[in-house]
Amino acid sequence: MQPLRPAPTAQRPVWMWAGAAAGLALAVIMFLNSSKPHTPAAANRPPTGTFVVSGAVLLGDGASFIRDDHGGCGGTGDHAGVKNGAAVLITTRDGFAGGKLTAARALTDGTCQFRFSVPAVPTGQDTYLLMVADRDPRQYIEHELKSALLALRVD
């Protein structure tokens, strides 16, 4: 009786060895590439520094604010949004930073003054837009924001 198939030989064709080597090489390359951190190009930019913008907002027209019984004040009419806790936003091309109006004081010169501080404003921007209490934004350059206490009159 004869076998139906010939006995297998111990030698493998060359193309099988070449395919196995190529598959192993591909697996090694994929493993090495997957271990590298994948970050977008923007994340590879050097980090920018930040600075703090501090200042005062003034309501100088007696019709634009009212005084309270404790020496404080707050905006009225078109300026009703100018009050303690109102948002102060600085917007740049890369994002924004925010703070709040605080320490409302009715001053003896007939003005209403608020203080604000906005931390983490990025350096190195072309322009900065500063907006107080959702009112019209004003454009500044970095030097203006870093100089002495910034004073804004919003009435």
C-alpha atoms as a PDB file:
ATOM      1  CA  MET A   1       0.000   0.000   0.000  1.00  0.00           C
ATOM      2  CA  GLN A   2       1.242   3.408  -0.965  1.00  0.00           C
ATOM      3  CA  PRO A   3       0.699   6.596   0.997  1.00  0.00           C
ATOM      4  CA  LEU A   4      -1.798   9.041  -0.507  1.00  0.00           C
ATOM      5  CA  ARG A   5       0.527  11.979   0.030  1.00  0.00           C
ATOM      6  CA  PRO A   6       4.219  12.176  -0.199  1.00  0.00           C
ATOM      7  CA  ALA A   7       6.075  12.469   3.085  1.00  0.00           C
ATOM      8  CA  PRO A   8       6.767  16.103   4.065  1.00  0.00           C
ATOM      9  CA  THR A   9      10.275  17.333   3.608  1.00  0.00           C
ATOM     10  CA  ALA A  10      12.172  19.172   6.316  1.00  0.00           C
ATOM     11  CA  GLN A  11      13.096  22.049   4.023  1.00  0.00           C
ATOM     12  CA  ARG A  12      10.847  25.090   3.688  1.00  0.00           C
ATOM     13  CA  PRO A  13      10.753  27.192   0.559  1.00  0.00           C
ATOM     14  CA  VAL A  14      12.775  30.443   0.642  1.00  0.00           C
ATOM     15  CA  TRP A  15       9.689  32.598   0.142  1.00  0.00           C
ATOM     16  CA  MET A  16       8.276  31.330   3.472  1.00  0.00           C
ATOM     17  CA  TRP A  17      11.420  32.383   5.352  1.00  0.00           C
ATOM     18  CA  ALA A  18      11.405  35.775   3.642  1.00  0.00           C
ATOM     19  CA  GLY A  19       7.731  36.322   4.572  1.00  0.00           C
ATOM     20  CA  ALA A  20       8.355  35.346   8.200  1.00  0.00           C
ATOM     21  CA  ALA A  21      11.330  37.746   8.420  1.00  0.00           C
ATOM     22  CA  ALA A  22       9.295  40.600   6.878  1.00  0.00           C
ATOM     23  CA  GLY A  23       6.405  39.998   9.315  1.00  0.00           C
ATOM     24  CA  LEU A  24       8.764  39.978  12.287  1.00  0.00           C
ATOM     25  CA  ALA A  25      10.424  43.207  11.120  1.00  0.00           C
ATOM     26  CA  LEU A  26       7.027  44.867  10.691  1.00  0.00           C
ATOM     27  CA  ALA A  27       5.956  43.812  14.187  1.00  0.00           C
ATOM     28  CA  VAL A  28       9.173  45.215  15.727  1.00  0.00           C
ATOM     29  CA  ILE A  29       8.744  48.548  13.891  1.00  0.00           C
ATOM     30  CA  MET A  30       5.119  48.843  15.009  1.00  0.00           C
ATOM     31  CA  PHE A  31       6.101  48.095  18.605  1.00  0.00           C
ATOM     32  CA  LEU A  32       8.866  50.709  18.607  1.00  0.00           C
ATOM     33  CA  ASN A  33       6.585  53.377  17.077  1.00  0.00           C
ATOM     34  CA  SER A  34       3.796  52.722  19.560  1.00  0.00           C
ATOM     35  CA  SER A  35       6.110  53.398  22.490  1.00  0.00           C
ATOM     36  CA  LYS A  36       6.847  56.981  21.332  1.00  0.00           C
ATOM     37  CA  PRO A  37       4.639  59.741  22.778  1.00  0.00           C
ATOM     38  CA  HIS A  38       2.118  61.026  20.245  1.00  0.00           C
ATOM     39  CA  THR A  39       1.590  64.766  20.693  1.00  0.00           C
ATOM     40  CA  PRO A  40       0.284  67.267  18.206  1.00  0.00           C
ATOM     41  CA  ALA A  41       2.703  69.788  16.737  1.00  0.00           C
ATOM     42  CA  ALA A  42       1.145  72.640  18.741  1.00  0.00           C
ATOM     43  CA  ALA A  43       2.004  70.881  21.990  1.00  0.00           C
ATOM     44  CA  ASN A  44       5.667  70.889  20.976  1.00  0.00           C
ATOM     45  CA  ARG A  45       5.740  74.714  21.040  1.00  0.00           C
ATOM     46  CA  PRO A  46       7.751  76.126  23.898  1.00  0.00           C
ATOM     47  CA  PRO A  47       5.471  77.130  26.746  1.00  0.00           C
ATOM     48  CA  THR A  48       4.782  80.825  27.026  1.00  0.00           C
ATOM     49  CA  GLY A  49       5.084  82.696  30.259  1.00  0.00           C
ATOM     50  CA  THR A  50       2.208  84.441  31.941  1.00  0.00           C
ATOM     51  CA  PHE A  51       1.675  87.670  33.822  1.00  0.00           C
ATOM     52  CA  VAL A  52      -1.000  89.293  35.985  1.00  0.00           C
ATOM     53  CA  VAL A  53      -3.023  92.301  34.861  1.00  0.00           C
ATOM     54  CA  SER A  54      -4.292  94.480  37.715  1.00  0.00           C
ATOM     55  CA  GLY A  55      -6.296  97.629  37.566  1.00  0.00           C
ATOM     56  CA  ALA A  56      -9.296  99.707  38.436  1.00  0.00           C
ATOM     57  CA  VAL A  57     -12.573 100.356  36.644  1.00  0.00           C
ATOM     58  CA  LEU A  58     -14.233 103.723  37.145  1.00  0.00           C
ATOM     59  CA  LEU A  59     -17.793 104.895  36.707  1.00  0.00           C
ATOM     60  CA  GLY A  60     -17.428 108.673  36.784  1.00  0.00           C
ATOM     61  CA  ASP A  61     -20.827 109.912  35.746  1.00  0.00           C
ATOM     62  CA  GLY A  62     -23.084 110.207  38.802  1.00  0.00           C
ATOM     63  CA  ALA A  63     -25.994 108.946  36.675  1.00  0.00           C
ATOM     64  CA  SER A  64     -24.175 105.699  35.845  1.00  0.00           C
ATOM     65  CA  PHE A  65     -23.991 104.355  39.420  1.00  0.00           C
ATOM     66  CA  ILE A  66     -25.683 104.382  42.788  1.00  0.00           C
ATOM     67  CA  ARG A  67     -24.141 104.416  46.241  1.00  0.00           C
ATOM     68  CA  ASP A  68     -25.082 101.980  48.975  1.00  0.00           C
ATOM     69  CA  ASP A  69     -25.168 102.625  52.735  1.00  0.00           C
ATOM     70  CA  HIS A  70     -21.780 100.976  53.318  1.00  0.00           C
ATOM     71  CA  GLY A  71     -19.550 103.144  51.105  1.00  0.00           C
ATOM     72  CA  GLY A  72     -19.921 100.833  48.121  1.00  0.00           C
ATOM     73  CA  CYS A  73     -21.528 101.400  44.751  1.00  0.00           C
ATOM     74  CA  GLY A  74     -22.774  99.642  41.639  1.00  0.00           C
ATOM     75  CA  GLY A  75     -23.662 100.521  38.075  1.00  0.00           C
ATOM     76  CA  THR A  76     -27.186 101.463  37.018  1.00  0.00           C
ATOM     77  CA  GLY A  77     -29.061 101.760  33.735  1.00  0.00           C
ATOM     78  CA  ASP A  78     -26.779 100.943  30.804  1.00  0.00           C
ATOM     79  CA  HIS A  79     -24.012 100.217  33.332  1.00  0.00           C
ATOM     80  CA  ALA A  80     -26.004  97.861  35.570  1.00  0.00           C
ATOM     81  CA  GLY A  81     -23.623  94.998  34.747  1.00  0.00           C
ATOM     82  CA  VAL A  82     -20.702  96.865  36.320  1.00  0.00           C
ATOM     83  CA  LYS A  83     -20.873  95.527  39.871  1.00  0.00           C
ATOM     84  CA  ASN A  84     -18.967  93.352  42.336  1.00  0.00           C
ATOM     85  CA  GLY A  85     -18.335  89.955  40.780  1.00  0.00           C
ATOM     86  CA  ALA A  86     -18.739  91.087  37.145  1.00  0.00           C
ATOM     87  CA  ALA A  87     -16.393  89.341  34.717  1.00  0.00           C
ATOM     88  CA  VAL A  88     -13.137  90.852  33.453  1.00  0.00           C
ATOM     89  CA  LEU A  89     -11.935  88.904  30.412  1.00  0.00           C
ATOM     90  CA  ILE A  90      -8.674  89.187  28.503  1.00  0.00           C
ATOM     91  CA  THR A  91      -8.747  87.400  25.151  1.00  0.00           C
ATOM     92  CA  THR A  92      -5.755  86.533  22.941  1.00  0.00           C
ATOM     93  CA  ARG A  93      -5.328  84.474  19.775  1.00  0.00           C
ATOM     94  CA  ASP A  94      -4.329  81.512  21.963  1.00  0.00           C
ATOM     95  CA  GLY A  95      -7.129  81.667  24.524  1.00  0.00           C
ATOM     96  CA  PHE A  96      -8.350  83.800  27.375  1.00  0.00           C
ATOM     97  CA  ALA A  97      -7.867  84.611  31.054  1.00  0.00           C
ATOM     98  CA  GLY A  98     -10.455  85.911  33.461  1.00  0.00           C
ATOM     99  CA  GLY A  99     -10.960  87.750  36.703  1.00  0.00           C
ATOM    100  CA  LYS A 100     -13.736  89.612  38.531  1.00  0.00           C
ATOM    101  CA  LEU A 101     -14.525  93.120  39.678  1.00  0.00           C
ATOM    102  CA  THR A 102     -14.158  93.470  43.453  1.00  0.00           C
ATOM    103  CA  ALA A 103     -13.981  96.076  46.218  1.00  0.00           C
ATOM    104  CA  ALA A 104     -16.571  98.545  44.928  1.00  0.00           C
ATOM    105  CA  ARG A 105     -16.041 101.942  46.553  1.00  0.00           C
ATOM    106  CA  ALA A 106     -17.903 105.215  46.172  1.00  0.00           C
ATOM    107  CA  LEU A 107     -15.050 107.728  46.248  1.00  0.00           C
ATOM    108  CA  THR A 108     -15.213 111.316  47.503  1.00  0.00           C
ATOM    109  CA  ASP A 109     -14.435 112.658  44.013  1.00  0.00           C
ATOM    110  CA  GLY A 110     -17.863 111.440  42.833  1.00  0.00           C
ATOM    111  CA  THR A 111     -16.703 108.249  41.116  1.00  0.00           C
ATOM    112  CA  CYS A 112     -17.422 104.585  41.682  1.00  0.00           C
ATOM    113  CA  GLN A 113     -14.278 102.442  41.635  1.00  0.00           C
ATOM    114  CA  PHE A 114     -13.797  98.671  41.339  1.00  0.00           C
ATOM    115  CA  ARG A 115     -10.551  96.711  41.522  1.00  0.00           C
ATOM    116  CA  PHE A 116      -9.679  93.694  39.386  1.00  0.00           C
ATOM    117  CA  SER A 117      -6.866  91.227  38.885  1.00  0.00           C
ATOM    118  CA  VAL A 118      -6.550  88.799  35.987  1.00  0.00           C
ATOM    119  CA  PRO A 119      -3.907  86.070  36.507  1.00  0.00           C
ATOM    120  CA  ALA A 120      -2.347  83.762  33.902  1.00  0.00           C
ATOM    121  CA  VAL A 121      -2.452  86.136  30.924  1.00  0.00           C
ATOM    122  CA  PRO A 122      -0.072  84.626  28.305  1.00  0.00           C
ATOM    123  CA  THR A 123       2.969  86.646  27.251  1.00  0.00           C
ATOM    124  CA  GLY A 124       4.132  87.203  23.688  1.00  0.00           C
ATOM    125  CA  GLN A 125       0.752  87.875  22.065  1.00  0.00           C
ATOM    126  CA  ASP A 126       0.248  90.426  19.282  1.00  0.00           C
ATOM    127  CA  THR A 127      -2.815  92.020  20.845  1.00  0.00           C
ATOM    128  CA  TYR A 128      -4.984  91.606  23.902  1.00  0.00           C
ATOM    129  CA  LEU A 129      -8.699  92.387  24.091  1.00  0.00           C
ATOM    130  CA  LEU A 130      -9.919  93.384  27.548  1.00  0.00           C
ATOM    131  CA  MET A 131     -13.653  93.308  28.256  1.00  0.00           C
ATOM    132  CA  VAL A 132     -15.337  94.383  31.505  1.00  0.00           C
ATOM    133  CA  ALA A 133     -18.866  93.260  32.401  1.00  0.00           C
ATOM    134  CA  ASP A 134     -19.686  92.193  28.823  1.00  0.00           C
ATOM    135  CA  ARG A 135     -19.106  95.724  27.542  1.00  0.00           C
ATOM    136  CA  ASP A 136     -17.181  96.714  24.401  1.00  0.00           C
ATOM    137  CA  PRO A 137     -13.710  95.135  24.352  1.00  0.00           C
ATOM    138  CA  ARG A 138     -10.692  97.409  24.287  1.00  0.00           C
ATOM    139  CA  GLN A 139      -7.460  96.496  22.532  1.00  0.00           C
ATOM    140  CA  TYR A 140      -4.085  96.658  24.289  1.00  0.00           C
ATOM    141  CA  ILE A 141      -0.511  95.569  23.699  1.00  0.00           C
ATOM    142  CA  GLU A 142       1.466  93.657  26.311  1.00  0.00           C
ATOM    143  CA  HIS A 143       3.509  96.659  27.435  1.00  0.00           C
ATOM    144  CA  GLU A 144       0.326  98.604  28.275  1.00  0.00           C
ATOM    145  CA  LEU A 145      -1.060  95.761  30.362  1.00  0.00           C
ATOM    146  CA  LYS A 146       2.230  95.223  32.225  1.00  0.00           C
ATOM    147  CA  SER A 147       2.803  98.891  33.017  1.00  0.00           C
ATOM    148  CA  ALA A 148       1.419 100.648  36.067  1.00  0.00           C
ATOM    149  CA  LEU A 149      -2.037  99.910  37.412  1.00  0.00           C
ATOM    150  CA  LEU A 150      -4.459  99.915  34.487  1.00  0.00           C
ATOM    151  CA  ALA A 151      -7.347 102.380  34.863  1.00  0.00           C
ATOM    152  CA  LEU A 152     -10.474 102.006  32.710  1.00  0.00           C
ATOM    153  CA  ARG A 153     -13.365 104.392  32.599  1.00  0.00           C
ATOM    154  CA  VAL A 154     -16.475 102.606  31.355  1.00  0.00           C
ATOM    155  CA  ASP A 155     -19.127 105.334  31.383  1.00  0.00           C
END
